[in-house]
């Protein structure tokens, strides 16, 4: 008899000021940033594969404004080590709102300078 494999990952979800956080109270993951990065990378892959022709097409499918999709897509251009850091424990003041409202430079060294400001 074949049984499906099951993996258990011990996680603690907590709410802090209305935001869902993953981890303990001192060092927690901001789930919204992780989800936004995943969506941005997925949308970028869809554009690269030709499944969608533009950000506008994705926005219509997702029922979002094209500017929202475009701003979130900036997260797909983050340096790999920054993505790893943000998927780990983010600097407390670095929020998805900040990432959406501020321009993210294309060059990785400049991205590192921005992230360093939040430490």
Protein backbone atom coordinates (compact mmCIF):
# COMPACT_ATOMS: atom_id res chain seq x y z
CA UNK A 1 0.00 0.00 0.00
CA UNK A 2 1.45 3.32 -1.08
CA UNK A 3 0.91 6.20 1.26
CA UNK A 4 1.62 9.80 0.35
CA UNK A 5 4.67 11.41 1.87
CA UNK A 6 3.98 14.03 4.46
CA UNK A 7 6.30 16.73 5.70
CA UNK A 8 5.58 18.62 8.87
CA UNK A 9 7.11 22.03 9.32
CA UNK A 10 6.66 23.60 12.74
CA UNK A 11 5.47 27.16 12.15
CA UNK A 12 3.98 29.76 14.42
CA UNK A 13 1.74 32.42 12.94
CA UNK A 14 1.10 35.58 14.92
CA UNK A 15 -0.66 38.83 14.20
CA UNK A 16 1.18 42.04 14.93
CA UNK A 17 -0.55 45.34 14.25
CA UNK A 18 -2.91 43.61 11.86
CA UNK A 19 -0.13 41.92 9.85
CA UNK A 20 0.31 38.17 9.73
CA UNK A 21 3.78 37.27 10.91
CA UNK A 22 5.55 33.93 10.79
CA UNK A 23 7.88 33.20 13.72
CA UNK A 24 8.39 34.44 17.24
CA UNK A 25 7.64 37.97 18.40
CA UNK A 26 11.26 39.17 18.28
CA UNK A 27 12.25 37.86 14.86
CA UNK A 28 9.41 37.21 12.47
CA UNK A 29 8.80 36.77 8.79
CA UNK A 30 6.50 39.27 7.11
CA UNK A 31 4.34 36.87 5.12
CA UNK A 32 3.07 39.67 2.85
CA UNK A 33 6.58 40.35 1.50
CA UNK A 34 7.20 36.65 0.90
CA UNK A 35 3.88 36.26 -0.94
CA UNK A 36 4.50 39.38 -3.02
CA UNK A 37 7.97 38.19 -4.07
CA UNK A 38 6.54 34.80 -5.04
CA UNK A 39 3.79 36.42 -7.12
CA UNK A 40 6.26 38.77 -8.79
CA UNK A 41 8.57 35.91 -9.75
CA UNK A 42 5.63 33.87 -11.02
CA UNK A 43 4.34 36.75 -13.12
CA UNK A 44 7.84 37.37 -14.47
CA UNK A 45 8.08 33.71 -15.50
CA UNK A 46 4.68 33.97 -17.23
CA UNK A 47 5.87 37.00 -19.20
CA UNK A 48 9.16 35.28 -20.10
CA UNK A 49 7.36 32.14 -21.28
CA UNK A 50 4.95 34.14 -23.43
CA UNK A 51 1.87 33.01 -21.48
CA UNK A 52 1.05 36.72 -21.08
CA UNK A 53 2.11 39.52 -23.36
CA UNK A 54 2.09 42.39 -20.89
CA UNK A 55 1.65 43.56 -17.32
CA UNK A 56 -1.79 44.79 -18.33
CA UNK A 57 -2.83 41.24 -19.32
CA UNK A 58 -1.70 39.93 -15.94
CA UNK A 59 -3.50 42.77 -14.16
CA UNK A 60 -6.76 41.95 -15.96
CA UNK A 61 -6.46 38.27 -15.09
CA UNK A 62 -5.61 38.97 -11.43
CA UNK A 63 -8.24 41.74 -11.17
CA UNK A 64 -5.60 44.28 -10.11
CA UNK A 65 -4.53 47.67 -11.38
CA UNK A 66 -1.63 47.53 -13.88
CA UNK A 67 0.37 49.91 -11.69
CA UNK A 68 0.03 47.51 -8.74
CA UNK A 69 1.27 44.59 -10.83
CA UNK A 70 4.11 46.69 -12.23
CA UNK A 71 5.22 47.79 -8.77
CA UNK A 72 5.09 44.23 -7.46
CA UNK A 73 7.04 42.99 -10.47
CA UNK A 74 9.98 45.12 -9.29
CA UNK A 75 10.46 42.53 -6.56
CA UNK A 76 11.39 39.95 -9.22
CA UNK A 77 14.51 42.03 -10.00
CA UNK A 78 15.90 41.90 -6.48
CA UNK A 79 19.37 40.43 -5.96
CA UNK A 80 19.19 36.74 -5.00
CA UNK A 81 20.81 37.27 -1.60
CA UNK A 82 18.32 40.05 -0.82
CA UNK A 83 15.44 37.73 -1.75
CA UNK A 84 16.93 35.11 0.55
CA UNK A 85 17.24 37.67 3.34
CA UNK A 86 13.68 38.94 2.89
CA UNK A 87 12.37 35.38 2.84
CA UNK A 88 14.22 34.96 6.13
CA UNK A 89 14.07 37.66 8.75
CA UNK A 90 13.41 41.08 7.31
CA UNK A 91 14.54 44.35 8.78
CA UNK A 92 11.60 45.54 10.84
CA UNK A 93 11.07 48.85 9.00
CA UNK A 94 11.35 47.35 5.51
CA UNK A 95 7.75 46.65 4.57
CA UNK A 96 5.93 45.67 1.41
CA UNK A 97 4.36 49.14 1.36
CA UNK A 98 7.83 50.72 1.34
CA UNK A 99 8.99 48.37 -1.43
CA UNK A 100 5.89 49.17 -3.51
CA UNK A 101 6.10 52.95 -3.07
CA UNK A 102 9.83 53.38 -3.66
CA UNK A 103 11.86 52.68 -6.74
CA UNK A 104 14.08 49.63 -6.59
CA UNK A 105 17.28 50.17 -8.57
CA UNK A 106 18.20 47.60 -11.23
CA UNK A 107 21.82 47.32 -10.10
CA UNK A 108 22.37 44.89 -7.22
CA UNK A 109 25.03 46.98 -5.40
CA UNK A 110 22.56 49.86 -5.22
CA UNK A 111 19.88 47.48 -3.92
CA UNK A 112 22.26 46.36 -1.18
CA UNK A 113 22.84 49.98 -0.14
CA UNK A 114 19.08 50.49 0.24
CA UNK A 115 18.62 47.34 2.32
CA UNK A 116 21.58 48.31 4.52
CA UNK A 117 19.75 51.51 5.47
CA UNK A 118 17.12 49.40 7.26
CA UNK A 119 19.52 47.48 9.51
